[in-house]
C-alpha atoms as a PDB file:
ATOM      1  CA  MET A   1      35.837 -65.654 -57.446  1.00  0.00           C
ATOM      2  CA  GLY A   2      35.307 -65.171 -53.722  1.00  0.00           C
ATOM      3  CA  ILE A   3      36.001 -62.842 -50.867  1.00  0.00           C
ATOM      4  CA  GLY A   4      38.731 -63.063 -48.240  1.00  0.00           C
ATOM      5  CA  SER A   5      38.267 -64.346 -44.766  1.00  0.00           C
ATOM      6  CA  HIS A   6      39.020 -61.557 -42.358  1.00  0.00           C
ATOM      7  CA  MET A   7      36.005 -59.961 -40.694  1.00  0.00           C
ATOM      8  CA  PRO A   8      36.097 -56.853 -38.473  1.00  0.00           C
ATOM      9  CA  ARG A   9      35.592 -57.561 -34.805  1.00  0.00           C
ATOM     10  CA  THR A  10      33.164 -54.683 -34.589  1.00  0.00           C
ATOM     11  CA  MET A  11      30.770 -56.539 -36.901  1.00  0.00           C
ATOM     12  CA  GLU A  12      31.039 -60.076 -35.505  1.00  0.00           C
ATOM     13  CA  GLU A  13      27.379 -60.202 -34.622  1.00  0.00           C
ATOM     14  CA  ASN A  14      26.295 -59.847 -38.253  1.00  0.00           C
ATOM     15  CA  HIS A  15      28.595 -61.706 -40.629  1.00  0.00           C
ATOM     16  CA  VAL A  16      29.026 -64.906 -42.573  1.00  0.00           C
ATOM     17  CA  THR A  17      32.414 -66.502 -41.910  1.00  0.00           C
ATOM     18  CA  PRO A  18      34.146 -67.664 -45.092  1.00  0.00           C
ATOM     19  CA  ALA A  19      36.991 -70.130 -45.379  1.00  0.00           C
ATOM     20  CA  ARG A  20      40.512 -68.707 -45.264  1.00  0.00           C
ATOM     21  CA  ARG A  21      42.529 -68.475 -48.456  1.00  0.00           C
ATOM     22  CA  SER A  22      45.924 -70.116 -48.024  1.00  0.00           C
ATOM     23  CA  ALA A  23      47.682 -68.468 -50.960  1.00  0.00           C
ATOM     24  CA  TYR A  24      47.805 -65.125 -52.667  1.00  0.00           C
ATOM     25  CA  PRO A  25      48.980 -64.351 -56.194  1.00  0.00           C
ATOM     26  CA  GLN A  26      52.243 -62.487 -56.495  1.00  0.00           C
ATOM     27  CA  ARG A  27      50.474 -59.833 -58.506  1.00  0.00           C
ATOM     28  CA  VAL A  28      47.039 -59.035 -59.828  1.00  0.00           C
ATOM     29  CA  VAL A  29      47.008 -59.846 -63.535  1.00  0.00           C
ATOM     30  CA  GLY A  30      44.172 -57.495 -64.369  1.00  0.00           C
ATOM     31  CA  MET A  31      40.509 -56.736 -63.961  1.00  0.00           C
ATOM     32  CA  SER A  32      37.922 -57.680 -66.504  1.00  0.00           C
ATOM     33  CA  SER A  33      35.709 -54.702 -67.162  1.00  0.00           C
ATOM     34  CA  GLY A  34      32.828 -56.854 -68.263  1.00  0.00           C
ATOM     35  CA  THR A  35      32.711 -59.308 -65.382  1.00  0.00           C
ATOM     36  CA  ASP A  36      34.158 -57.263 -62.506  1.00  0.00           C
ATOM     37  CA  GLN A  37      36.513 -60.134 -61.677  1.00  0.00           C
ATOM     38  CA  PHE A  38      40.247 -60.280 -61.171  1.00  0.00           C
ATOM     39  CA  ARG A  39      41.824 -62.819 -63.529  1.00  0.00           C
ATOM     40  CA  LEU A  40      44.125 -64.986 -61.414  1.00  0.00           C
ATOM     41  CA  PRO A  41      46.307 -67.964 -62.374  1.00  0.00           C
ATOM     42  CA  ARG A  42      44.341 -71.187 -62.011  1.00  0.00           C
ATOM     43  CA  ARG A  43      46.734 -72.633 -59.414  1.00  0.00           C
ATOM     44  CA  GLU A  44      46.068 -69.634 -57.182  1.00  0.00           C
ATOM     45  CA  ARG A  45      42.283 -69.931 -57.143  1.00  0.00           C
ATOM     46  CA  ARG A  46      41.907 -71.623 -53.797  1.00  0.00           C
ATOM     47  CA  SER A  47      39.173 -71.912 -51.219  1.00  0.00           C
ATOM     48  CA  GLY A  48      36.962 -69.025 -50.149  1.00  0.00           C
ATOM     49  CA  PRO A  49      33.355 -67.985 -50.686  1.00  0.00           C
ATOM     50  CA  ALA A  50      33.645 -68.708 -54.409  1.00  0.00           C
ATOM     51  CA  ARG A  51      34.684 -72.307 -53.800  1.00  0.00           C
ATOM     52  CA  GLN A  52      32.117 -72.651 -51.006  1.00  0.00           C
ATOM     53  CA  LEU A  53      29.438 -71.435 -53.392  1.00  0.00           C
ATOM     54  CA  ARG A  54      30.431 -73.941 -56.094  1.00  0.00           C
ATOM     55  CA  GLN A  55      30.530 -76.806 -53.577  1.00  0.00           C
ATOM     56  CA  HIS A  56      27.148 -75.768 -52.200  1.00  0.00           C
ATOM     57  CA  HIS A  57      25.519 -75.955 -55.633  1.00  0.00           C
ATOM     58  CA  GLN A  58      27.234 -79.292 -56.377  1.00  0.00           C
ATOM     59  CA  HIS A  59      25.790 -80.891 -53.250  1.00  0.00           C
ATOM     60  CA  HIS A  60      22.474 -79.017 -53.435  1.00  0.00           C
ATOM     61  CA  PRO A  61      21.727 -78.550 -57.157  1.00  0.00           C
ATOM     62  CA  ASP A  62      18.103 -77.671 -56.499  1.00  0.00           C
ATOM     63  CA  SER A  63      18.846 -74.965 -53.940  1.00  0.00           C
ATOM     64  CA  SER A  64      18.102 -71.443 -55.048  1.00  0.00           C
ATOM     65  CA  GLY A  65      17.160 -68.261 -53.300  1.00  0.00           C
ATOM     66  CA  ASP A  66      19.028 -69.424 -50.208  1.00  0.00           C
ATOM     67  CA  GLY A  67      20.880 -66.133 -49.892  1.00  0.00           C
ATOM     68  CA  LEU A  68      24.211 -67.181 -51.498  1.00  0.00           C
ATOM     69  CA  GLU A  69      23.614 -65.977 -55.050  1.00  0.00           C
ATOM     70  CA  GLY A  70      24.496 -62.401 -54.071  1.00  0.00           C
ATOM     71  CA  LEU A  71      28.198 -63.332 -53.858  1.00  0.00           C
ATOM     72  CA  GLU A  72      28.417 -64.536 -57.478  1.00  0.00           C
ATOM     73  CA  GLY A  73      30.983 -62.728 -59.620  1.00  0.00           C
ATOM     74  CA  LEU A  74      32.964 -61.096 -56.819  1.00  0.00           C
ATOM     75  CA  PRO A  75      36.780 -60.996 -57.111  1.00  0.00           C
ATOM     76  CA  GLU A  76      39.262 -63.010 -55.094  1.00  0.00           C
ATOM     77  CA  ILE A  77      40.563 -61.048 -52.106  1.00  0.00           C
ATOM     78  CA  PRO A  78      43.963 -62.048 -50.666  1.00  0.00           C
ATOM     79  CA  PRO A  79      45.129 -61.578 -47.063  1.00  0.00           C
ATOM     80  CA  TYR A  80      44.518 -57.934 -46.278  1.00  0.00           C
ATOM     81  CA  ALA A  81      48.072 -57.280 -45.131  1.00  0.00           C
ATOM     82  CA  GLU A  82      49.325 -58.059 -48.644  1.00  0.00           C
ATOM     83  CA  ILE A  83      46.969 -55.744 -50.539  1.00  0.00           C
ATOM     84  CA  GLY A  84      48.439 -52.506 -51.868  1.00  0.00           C
ATOM     85  CA  ALA A  85      46.631 -49.185 -51.793  1.00  0.00           C
ATOM     86  CA  LEU A  86      45.758 -49.231 -55.507  1.00  0.00           C
ATOM     87  CA  ASP A  87      44.435 -52.795 -55.359  1.00  0.00           C
ATOM     88  CA  ALA A  88      42.413 -51.950 -52.227  1.00  0.00           C
ATOM     89  CA  ARG A  89      40.890 -48.987 -54.042  1.00  0.00           C
ATOM     90  CA  ALA A  90      39.939 -51.102 -57.084  1.00  0.00           C
ATOM     91  CA  LEU A  91      38.542 -53.903 -54.929  1.00  0.00           C
ATOM     92  CA  SER A  92      36.550 -51.428 -52.846  1.00  0.00           C
ATOM     93  CA  LYS A  93      34.970 -49.957 -55.958  1.00  0.00           C
ATOM     94  CA  THR A  94      33.883 -53.427 -57.107  1.00  0.00           C
ATOM     95  CA  LEU A  95      32.476 -54.253 -53.672  1.00  0.00           C
ATOM     96  CA  PHE A  96      30.595 -50.952 -53.449  1.00  0.00           C
ATOM     97  CA  GLU A  97      29.021 -51.677 -56.834  1.00  0.00           C
ATOM     98  CA  ARG A  98      27.844 -55.030 -55.500  1.00  0.00           C
ATOM     99  CA  LEU A  99      26.726 -53.540 -52.170  1.00  0.00           C
ATOM    100  CA  GLU A 100      24.346 -51.181 -53.971  1.00  0.00           C
ATOM    101  CA  SER A 101      22.586 -54.152 -55.575  1.00  0.00           C
ATOM    102  CA  LEU A 102      22.176 -56.133 -52.341  1.00  0.00           C
ATOM    103  CA  GLU A 103      19.340 -55.836 -49.870  1.00  0.00           C
ATOM    104  CA  GLU A 104      20.318 -54.374 -46.526  1.00  0.00           C
ATOM    105  CA  GLY A 105      19.966 -56.848 -43.679  1.00  0.00           C
ATOM    106  CA  THR A 106      20.876 -59.929 -45.724  1.00  0.00           C
ATOM    107  CA  HIS A 107      23.903 -62.134 -45.087  1.00  0.00           C
ATOM    108  CA  GLU A 108      25.413 -61.084 -48.409  1.00  0.00           C
ATOM    109  CA  TYR A 109      25.037 -57.381 -47.613  1.00  0.00           C
ATOM    110  CA  ALA A 110      26.694 -57.820 -44.211  1.00  0.00           C
ATOM    111  CA  TYR A 111      29.420 -59.949 -45.770  1.00  0.00           C
ATOM    112  CA  VAL A 112      30.364 -57.397 -48.428  1.00  0.00           C
ATOM    113  CA  ARG A 113      30.064 -54.509 -45.947  1.00  0.00           C
ATOM    114  CA  ASN A 114      32.332 -56.250 -43.434  1.00  0.00           C
ATOM    115  CA  THR A 115      34.868 -56.998 -46.143  1.00  0.00           C
ATOM    116  CA  LEU A 116      34.915 -53.304 -47.076  1.00  0.00           C
ATOM    117  CA  VAL A 117      35.656 -52.461 -43.441  1.00  0.00           C
ATOM    118  CA  GLU A 118      38.635 -54.834 -43.304  1.00  0.00           C
ATOM    119  CA  LEU A 119      39.846 -53.749 -46.725  1.00  0.00           C
ATOM    120  CA  ASN A 120      40.002 -50.083 -45.670  1.00  0.00           C
ATOM    121  CA  LEU A 121      41.300 -50.395 -42.108  1.00  0.00           C
ATOM    122  CA  ALA A 122      44.579 -48.905 -43.338  1.00  0.00           C
ATOM    123  CA  LEU A 123      42.737 -45.569 -43.609  1.00  0.00           C
ATOM    124  CA  VAL A 124      41.802 -45.804 -39.932  1.00  0.00           C
ATOM    125  CA  LYS A 125      45.357 -46.645 -38.853  1.00  0.00           C
ATOM    126  CA  PHE A 126      46.734 -43.760 -40.894  1.00  0.00           C
ATOM    127  CA  ALA A 127      44.235 -41.324 -39.357  1.00  0.00           C
ATOM    128  CA  ALA A 128      44.863 -42.690 -35.853  1.00  0.00           C
ATOM    129  CA  SER A 129      48.625 -42.201 -36.242  1.00  0.00           C
ATOM    130  CA  ARG A 130      48.035 -38.447 -36.322  1.00  0.00           C
ATOM    131  CA  PHE A 131      46.864 -38.672 -32.695  1.00  0.00           C
ATOM    132  CA  ARG A 132      49.718 -40.878 -31.459  1.00  0.00           C
ATOM    133  CA  SER A 133      50.939 -38.231 -29.025  1.00  0.00           C
ATOM    134  CA  ARG A 134      47.635 -38.196 -27.131  1.00  0.00           C
ATOM    135  CA  SER A 135      47.258 -40.009 -23.831  1.00  0.00           C
ATOM    136  CA  GLU A 136      44.646 -42.475 -25.064  1.00  0.00           C
ATOM    137  CA  PRO A 137      45.802 -45.998 -26.099  1.00  0.00           C
ATOM    138  CA  MET A 138      46.264 -46.383 -29.847  1.00  0.00           C
ATOM    139  CA  GLU A 139      43.961 -49.420 -29.811  1.00  0.00           C
ATOM    140  CA  ASP A 140      41.099 -47.268 -28.507  1.00  0.00           C
ATOM    141  CA  ILE A 141      41.758 -44.593 -31.125  1.00  0.00           C
ATOM    142  CA  VAL A 142      41.693 -47.216 -33.895  1.00  0.00           C
ATOM    143  CA  GLN A 143      38.412 -48.632 -32.587  1.00  0.00           C
ATOM    144  CA  VAL A 144      36.837 -45.175 -32.595  1.00  0.00           C
ATOM    145  CA  GLY A 145      38.194 -44.518 -36.075  1.00  0.00           C
ATOM    146  CA  THR A 146      36.685 -47.803 -37.248  1.00  0.00           C
ATOM    147  CA  ILE A 147      33.270 -46.503 -36.223  1.00  0.00           C
ATOM    148  CA  GLY A 148      33.887 -43.531 -38.498  1.00  0.00           C
ATOM    149  CA  LEU A 149      34.928 -45.903 -41.297  1.00  0.00           C
ATOM    150  CA  ILE A 150      31.685 -47.874 -40.950  1.00  0.00           C
ATOM    151  CA  LYS A 151      29.662 -44.651 -41.064  1.00  0.00           C
ATOM    152  CA  ALA A 152      31.533 -43.612 -44.212  1.00  0.00           C
ATOM    153  CA  ILE A 153      30.834 -46.974 -45.864  1.00  0.00           C
ATOM    154  CA  ASP A 154      27.131 -46.669 -45.092  1.00  0.00           C
ATOM    155  CA  ARG A 155      26.973 -43.135 -46.531  1.00  0.00           C
ATOM    156  CA  PHE A 156      29.187 -43.601 -49.590  1.00  0.00           C
ATOM    157  CA  GLU A 157      27.652 -43.416 -53.057  1.00  0.00           C
ATOM    158  CA  LEU A 158      29.595 -44.287 -56.195  1.00  0.00           C
ATOM    159  CA  SER A 159      27.440 -41.908 -58.217  1.00  0.00           C
ATOM    160  CA  ARG A 160      29.135 -38.931 -56.550  1.00  0.00           C
ATOM    161  CA  GLY A 161      32.312 -39.641 -58.507  1.00  0.00           C
ATOM    162  CA  VAL A 162      34.554 -39.305 -55.432  1.00  0.00           C
ATOM    163  CA  GLU A 163      37.178 -41.854 -54.420  1.00  0.00           C
ATOM    164  CA  PHE A 164      36.245 -43.636 -51.198  1.00  0.00           C
ATOM    165  CA  PRO A 165      39.448 -42.718 -49.269  1.00  0.00           C
ATOM    166  CA  THR A 166      38.814 -39.044 -50.062  1.00  0.00           C
ATOM    167  CA  PHE A 167      35.231 -39.359 -48.851  1.00  0.00           C
ATOM    168  CA  ALA A 168      35.983 -41.481 -45.769  1.00  0.00           C
ATOM    169  CA  MET A 169      38.972 -39.693 -44.243  1.00  0.00           C
ATOM    170  CA  PRO A 170      37.076 -36.604 -42.934  1.00  0.00           C
ATOM    171  CA  THR A 171      34.484 -38.872 -41.309  1.00  0.00           C
ATOM    172  CA  ILE A 172      37.158 -41.043 -39.672  1.00  0.00           C
ATOM    173  CA  VAL A 173      39.168 -38.077 -38.393  1.00  0.00           C
ATOM    174  CA  GLY A 174      35.992 -36.340 -37.237  1.00  0.00           C
ATOM    175  CA  GLU A 175      34.951 -39.376 -35.210  1.00  0.00           C
ATOM    176  CA  ILE A 176      38.370 -39.500 -33.526  1.00  0.00           C
ATOM    177  CA  LYS A 177      38.312 -35.768 -32.765  1.00  0.00           C
ATOM    178  CA  ARG A 178      34.824 -36.111 -31.311  1.00  0.00           C
ATOM    179  CA  PHE A 179      36.141 -38.885 -29.065  1.00  0.00           C
ATOM    180  CA  PHE A 180      38.910 -36.665 -27.693  1.00  0.00           C
ATOM    181  CA  ARG A 181      36.520 -33.750 -27.330  1.00  0.00           C
ATOM    182  CA  ASP A 182      34.105 -35.828 -25.256  1.00  0.00           C
ATOM    183  CA  THR A 183      36.763 -37.498 -23.075  1.00  0.00           C
ATOM    184  CA  SER A 184      39.229 -34.639 -22.485  1.00  0.00           C
ATOM    185  CA  TRP A 185      39.111 -31.537 -20.327  1.00  0.00           C
ATOM    186  CA  SER A 186      37.618 -28.610 -22.190  1.00  0.00           C
ATOM    187  CA  VAL A 187      39.886 -26.101 -20.380  1.00  0.00           C
ATOM    188  CA  ARG A 188      43.648 -26.147 -20.836  1.00  0.00           C
ATOM    189  CA  VAL A 189      45.315 -25.327 -17.533  1.00  0.00           C
ATOM    190  CA  PRO A 190      48.954 -24.094 -17.481  1.00  0.00           C
ATOM    191  CA  ARG A 191      51.460 -26.277 -15.644  1.00  0.00           C
ATOM    192  CA  ARG A 192      52.003 -23.544 -13.040  1.00  0.00           C
ATOM    193  CA  LEU A 193      48.325 -23.668 -12.088  1.00  0.00           C
ATOM    194  CA  GLN A 194      48.311 -27.458 -12.137  1.00  0.00           C
ATOM    195  CA  GLU A 195      51.087 -27.489  -9.532  1.00  0.00           C
ATOM    196  CA  LEU A 196      49.371 -24.745  -7.530  1.00  0.00           C
ATOM    197  CA  ARG A 197      46.173 -26.764  -7.523  1.00  0.00           C
ATOM    198  CA  LEU A 198      47.996 -29.688  -5.906  1.00  0.00           C
ATOM    199  CA  GLU A 199      49.611 -27.427  -3.302  1.00  0.00           C
ATOM    200  CA  LEU A 200      46.249 -25.856  -2.445  1.00  0.00           C
ATOM    201  CA  ALA A 201      44.630 -29.263  -2.074  1.00  0.00           C
ATOM    202  CA  LYS A 202      47.378 -30.437   0.282  1.00  0.00           C
ATOM    203  CA  ALA A 203      47.354 -27.231   2.330  1.00  0.00           C
ATOM    204  CA  GLY A 204      43.559 -27.264   2.461  1.00  0.00           C
ATOM    205  CA  ASP A 205      43.503 -30.782   3.909  1.00  0.00           C
ATOM    206  CA  GLU A 206      46.117 -29.931   6.536  1.00  0.00           C
ATOM    207  CA  LEU A 207      44.385 -26.716   7.615  1.00  0.00           C
ATOM    208  CA  SER A 208      40.979 -28.409   7.687  1.00  0.00           C
ATOM    209  CA  GLN A 209      42.316 -30.954  10.191  1.00  0.00           C
ATOM    210  CA  GLN A 210      43.945 -28.272  12.330  1.00  0.00           C
ATOM    211  CA  LEU A 211      41.042 -25.811  12.287  1.00  0.00           C
ATOM    212  CA  ASP A 212      38.227 -28.361  12.110  1.00  0.00           C
ATOM    213  CA  ARG A 213      36.695 -26.305   9.305  1.00  0.00           C
ATOM    214  CA  ALA A 214      37.420 -25.285   5.750  1.00  0.00           C
ATOM    215  CA  PRO A 215      40.279 -22.742   5.576  1.00  0.00           C
ATOM    216  CA  THR A 216      39.722 -19.259   4.224  1.00  0.00           C
ATOM    217  CA  VAL A 217      41.530 -17.769   1.244  1.00  0.00           C
ATOM    218  CA  ALA A 218      43.650 -15.638   3.581  1.00  0.00           C
ATOM    219  CA  GLU A 219      44.675 -18.691   5.634  1.00  0.00           C
ATOM    220  CA  LEU A 220      45.655 -20.603   2.494  1.00  0.00           C
ATOM    221  CA  SER A 221      47.584 -17.565   1.292  1.00  0.00           C
ATOM    222  CA  GLU A 222      49.520 -17.342   4.547  1.00  0.00           C
ATOM    223  CA  ARG A 223      50.187 -21.090   4.638  1.00  0.00           C
ATOM    224  CA  LEU A 224      51.654 -21.219   1.111  1.00  0.00           C
ATOM    225  CA  GLY A 225      53.295 -17.794   1.157  1.00  0.00           C
ATOM    226  CA  ILE A 226      51.429 -16.537  -1.903  1.00  0.00           C
ATOM    227  CA  THR A 227      48.969 -13.725  -2.556  1.00  0.00           C
ATOM    228  CA  THR A 228      45.225 -14.121  -2.170  1.00  0.00           C
ATOM    229  CA  ASP A 229      44.818 -13.487  -5.903  1.00  0.00           C
ATOM    230  CA  GLU A 230      47.038 -16.480  -6.633  1.00  0.00           C
ATOM    231  CA  VAL A 231      44.964 -18.625  -4.282  1.00  0.00           C
ATOM    232  CA  VAL A 232      41.767 -17.624  -6.068  1.00  0.00           C
ATOM    233  CA  GLU A 233      43.383 -18.314  -9.444  1.00  0.00           C
ATOM    234  CA  GLY A 234      44.504 -21.746  -8.290  1.00  0.00           C
ATOM    235  CA  MET A 235      41.058 -22.560  -6.923  1.00  0.00           C
ATOM    236  CA  SER A 236      39.504 -21.557 -10.252  1.00  0.00           C
ATOM    237  CA  ALA A 237      41.916 -23.853 -12.070  1.00  0.00           C
ATOM    238  CA  SER A 238      40.928 -26.646  -9.713  1.00  0.00           C
ATOM    239  CA  ASN A 239      37.339 -26.375 -10.904  1.00  0.00           C
ATOM    240  CA  ALA A 240      38.425 -27.412 -14.402  1.00  0.00           C
ATOM    241  CA  TYR A 241      39.488 -30.787 -13.003  1.00  0.00           C
ATOM    242  CA  THR A 242      36.301 -31.470 -11.109  1.00  0.00           C
ATOM    243  CA  ALA A 243      34.007 -33.872 -12.970  1.00  0.00           C
ATOM    244  CA  SER A 244      30.599 -35.112 -11.890  1.00  0.00           C
ATOM    245  CA  SER A 245      28.430 -37.878 -13.229  1.00  0.00           C
ATOM    246  CA  LEU A 246      25.495 -36.743 -15.347  1.00  0.00           C
ATOM    247  CA  ASP A 247      23.401 -39.293 -13.466  1.00  0.00           C
ATOM    248  CA  ALA A 248      24.223 -37.715 -10.104  1.00  0.00           C
ATOM    249  CA  LYS A 249      21.723 -35.542  -8.265  1.00  0.00           C
ATOM    250  CA  PRO A 250      22.695 -31.843  -7.959  1.00  0.00           C
ATOM    251  CA  GLU A 251      23.910 -30.975  -4.475  1.00  0.00           C
ATOM    252  CA  GLU A 252      22.870 -27.328  -4.401  1.00  0.00           C
ATOM    253  CA  ASP A 253      19.136 -27.923  -3.983  1.00  0.00           C
ATOM    254  CA  ASP A 254      16.550 -30.519  -3.041  1.00  0.00           C
ATOM    255  CA  SER A 255      15.010 -30.903  -6.481  1.00  0.00           C
ATOM    256  CA  GLU A 256      14.523 -34.321  -8.002  1.00  0.00           C
ATOM    257  CA  GLY A 257      16.120 -35.639 -11.161  1.00  0.00           C
ATOM    258  CA  ALA A 258      19.670 -36.004 -12.427  1.00  0.00           C
ATOM    259  CA  LEU A 259      22.014 -33.349 -13.739  1.00  0.00           C
ATOM    260  CA  ALA A 260      21.525 -34.676 -17.282  1.00  0.00           C
ATOM    261  CA  ASP A 261      17.843 -33.719 -17.075  1.00  0.00           C
ATOM    262  CA  ARG A 262      18.835 -30.058 -16.793  1.00  0.00           C
ATOM    263  CA  LEU A 263      21.129 -29.931 -19.788  1.00  0.00           C
ATOM    264  CA  GLY A 264      19.880 -27.825 -22.663  1.00  0.00           C
ATOM    265  CA  TYR A 265      20.214 -28.543 -26.346  1.00  0.00           C
ATOM    266  CA  GLU A 266      23.388 -27.828 -28.262  1.00  0.00           C
ATOM    267  CA  ASP A 267      23.242 -24.490 -30.051  1.00  0.00           C
ATOM    268  CA  HIS A 268      25.373 -24.920 -33.166  1.00  0.00           C
ATOM    269  CA  GLY A 269      25.281 -21.181 -33.749  1.00  0.00           C
ATOM    270  CA  LEU A 270      27.687 -20.715 -30.836  1.00  0.00           C
ATOM    271  CA  GLU A 271      30.504 -22.494 -32.656  1.00  0.00           C
ATOM    272  CA  GLY A 272      31.490 -19.390 -34.609  1.00  0.00           C
ATOM    273  CA  ILE A 273      31.426 -16.936 -31.701  1.00  0.00           C
ATOM    274  CA  GLU A 274      35.099 -17.450 -30.876  1.00  0.00           C
ATOM    275  CA  TYR A 275      36.099 -16.694 -34.457  1.00  0.00           C
ATOM    276  CA  VAL A 276      33.862 -13.634 -34.586  1.00  0.00           C
ATOM    277  CA  GLU A 277      35.375 -12.223 -31.405  1.00  0.00           C
ATOM    278  CA  SER A 278      38.898 -12.964 -32.633  1.00  0.00           C
ATOM    279  CA  LEU A 279      38.198 -11.257 -35.955  1.00  0.00           C
ATOM    280  CA  LYS A 280      36.996  -7.987 -34.432  1.00  0.00           C
ATOM    281  CA  PRO A 281      40.446  -6.534 -33.577  1.00  0.00           C
ATOM    282  CA  LEU A 282      41.893  -7.874 -36.827  1.00  0.00           C
ATOM    283  CA  ILE A 283      39.204  -6.175 -38.894  1.00  0.00           C
ATOM    284  CA  ALA A 284      39.587  -2.960 -36.903  1.00  0.00           C
ATOM    285  CA  SER A 285      43.277  -2.837 -37.850  1.00  0.00           C
ATOM    286  CA  LEU A 286      42.535  -2.993 -41.596  1.00  0.00           C
ATOM    287  CA  PRO A 287      42.605   0.093 -43.844  1.00  0.00           C
ATOM    288  CA  SER A 288      39.223   1.785 -44.215  1.00  0.00           C
ATOM    289  CA  ARG A 289      38.804   0.708 -47.854  1.00  0.00           C
ATOM    290  CA  ASP A 290      39.427  -2.951 -46.983  1.00  0.00           C
ATOM    291  CA  ARG A 291      36.886  -2.720 -44.159  1.00  0.00           C
ATOM    292  CA  MET A 292      34.388  -1.163 -46.551  1.00  0.00           C
ATOM    293  CA  ILE A 293      34.866  -3.964 -49.089  1.00  0.00           C
ATOM    294  CA  LEU A 294      34.348  -6.597 -46.394  1.00  0.00           C
ATOM    295  CA  SER A 295      31.185  -4.872 -45.207  1.00  0.00           C
ATOM    296  CA  LEU A 296      29.741  -4.512 -48.701  1.00  0.00           C
ATOM    297  CA  ARG A 297      30.577  -8.105 -49.596  1.00  0.00           C
ATOM    298  CA  PHE A 298      29.591 -10.006 -46.448  1.00  0.00           C
ATOM    299  CA  VAL A 299      27.085  -7.675 -44.754  1.00  0.00           C
ATOM    300  CA  SER A 300      25.331  -6.081 -47.722  1.00  0.00           C
ATOM    301  CA  ASN A 301      25.829  -9.218 -49.883  1.00  0.00           C
ATOM    302  CA  MET A 302      26.913  -7.146 -52.871  1.00  0.00           C
ATOM    303  CA  THR A 303      28.738  -8.747 -55.793  1.00  0.00           C
ATOM    304  CA  GLN A 304      32.292  -7.767 -56.665  1.00  0.00           C
ATOM    305  CA  SER A 305      31.030  -5.873 -59.707  1.00  0.00           C
ATOM    306  CA  GLU A 306      28.561  -3.903 -57.572  1.00  0.00           C
ATOM    307  CA  ILE A 307      31.308  -3.126 -55.063  1.00  0.00           C
ATOM    308  CA  GLY A 308      33.529  -1.907 -57.890  1.00  0.00           C
ATOM    309  CA  GLU A 309      30.820   0.457 -59.089  1.00  0.00           C
ATOM    310  CA  GLU A 310      30.267   1.693 -55.536  1.00  0.00           C
ATOM    311  CA  LEU A 311      33.963   2.426 -54.964  1.00  0.00           C
ATOM    312  CA  GLY A 312      34.844   3.464 -58.516  1.00  0.00           C
ATOM    313  CA  ILE A 313      37.307   0.628 -59.162  1.00  0.00           C
ATOM    314  CA  SER A 314      37.274  -2.439 -61.406  1.00  0.00           C
ATOM    315  CA  GLN A 315      35.823  -5.814 -60.426  1.00  0.00           C
ATOM    316  CA  MET A 316      39.295  -7.371 -60.824  1.00  0.00           C
ATOM    317  CA  HIS A 317      40.755  -4.827 -58.408  1.00  0.00           C
ATOM    318  CA  VAL A 318      38.003  -5.625 -55.898  1.00  0.00           C
ATOM    319  CA  SER A 319      38.776  -9.333 -56.245  1.00  0.00           C
ATOM    320  CA  ARG A 320      42.485  -8.789 -55.538  1.00  0.00           C
ATOM    321  CA  LEU A 321      41.809  -6.540 -52.544  1.00  0.00           C
ATOM    322  CA  LEU A 322      39.272  -8.966 -51.105  1.00  0.00           C
ATOM    323  CA  SER A 323      41.603 -11.949 -51.531  1.00  0.00           C
ATOM    324  CA  ARG A 324      44.486 -10.078 -49.908  1.00  0.00           C
ATOM    325  CA  THR A 325      42.304  -9.047 -46.968  1.00  0.00           C
ATOM    326  CA  LEU A 326      40.982 -12.563 -46.378  1.00  0.00           C
ATOM    327  CA  VAL A 327      44.512 -13.993 -46.431  1.00  0.00           C
ATOM    328  CA  LYS A 328      45.589 -11.395 -43.874  1.00  0.00           C
ATOM    329  CA  LEU A 329      42.659 -12.242 -41.576  1.00  0.00           C
ATOM    330  CA  ARG A 330      43.281 -15.964 -41.935  1.00  0.00           C
ATOM    331  CA  LYS A 331      46.927 -15.545 -40.956  1.00  0.00           C
ATOM    332  CA  GLY A 332      45.881 -13.442 -37.980  1.00  0.00           C
ATOM    333  CA  LEU A 333      43.566 -16.187 -36.730  1.00  0.00           C
ATOM    334  CA  THR A 334      46.277 -18.813 -37.212  1.00  0.00           C
ATOM    335  CA  LEU A 335      48.767 -16.820 -35.144  1.00  0.00           C
ATOM    336  CA  GLU A 336      46.243 -16.461 -32.312  1.00  0.00           C
ATOM    337  CA  GLU A 337      45.581 -20.206 -32.249  1.00  0.00           C
END
């Protein structure tokens, strides 16, 4: 018995460092359902927390309640790079069962929790690979994903009957997406406007030196040989690249306090506005009966049977029409995105 030696760097401040196992069995012989232990050949049962625990009790037979008993009965864990997905899943289940019986804040709890992090880092790397084309370094993406993995471990409950990878992946991916959302520009600017922004900045600097003042839109238009509308469009695009510190003081007035002090709360109800606005023309293009069914179902909250009675058709027919309409709207939204 015993747990492997690798500990996640993100948890270094709260772990117990075990000895490293020097060998790993070629295959896992099986798991005992009664003892929650992997049965390994005797020659392959090397050092690790299990051996440390036995040696501790041999040298200190009277020691008890010293915080090491919580690791009794745990399976051997080989080097993480050599563990397959199925073995990692079985080991994780055993460790989660033990984690539920341990007191949070103890060395044993941190030890098992850290081991779960290392054991499931493959989930983070898989999720991070989906964002390989982004500009951020892969190492940073993996670190952010690891935060999501830790959150998933802390929230996971075996009683839900869900496999841990299924439960953890949305949390990991969500953490990575949140990272890109918070560190990327919220407005996508076309390449044409990006180049125009650079030209305007260069022309603005040159004209400012010549005129000893900020140039007007007309002067920039004449300098670059473009229309005033294009100048205004380029200046608007430039605003999307202007970032200020939240700790900075606003320049437009003499009030005290930082910009962060003026930020309001996040209204989660605004998240669906874009979809609502995109749906309006799609719904307007539907046949009148389909629009009526949508209204009765989602505005009047009528059941399919009630809608069938209202329109003089069967509940099954209502179900087919509603499904067809929703598929059509979903495809319309996908095309717009």
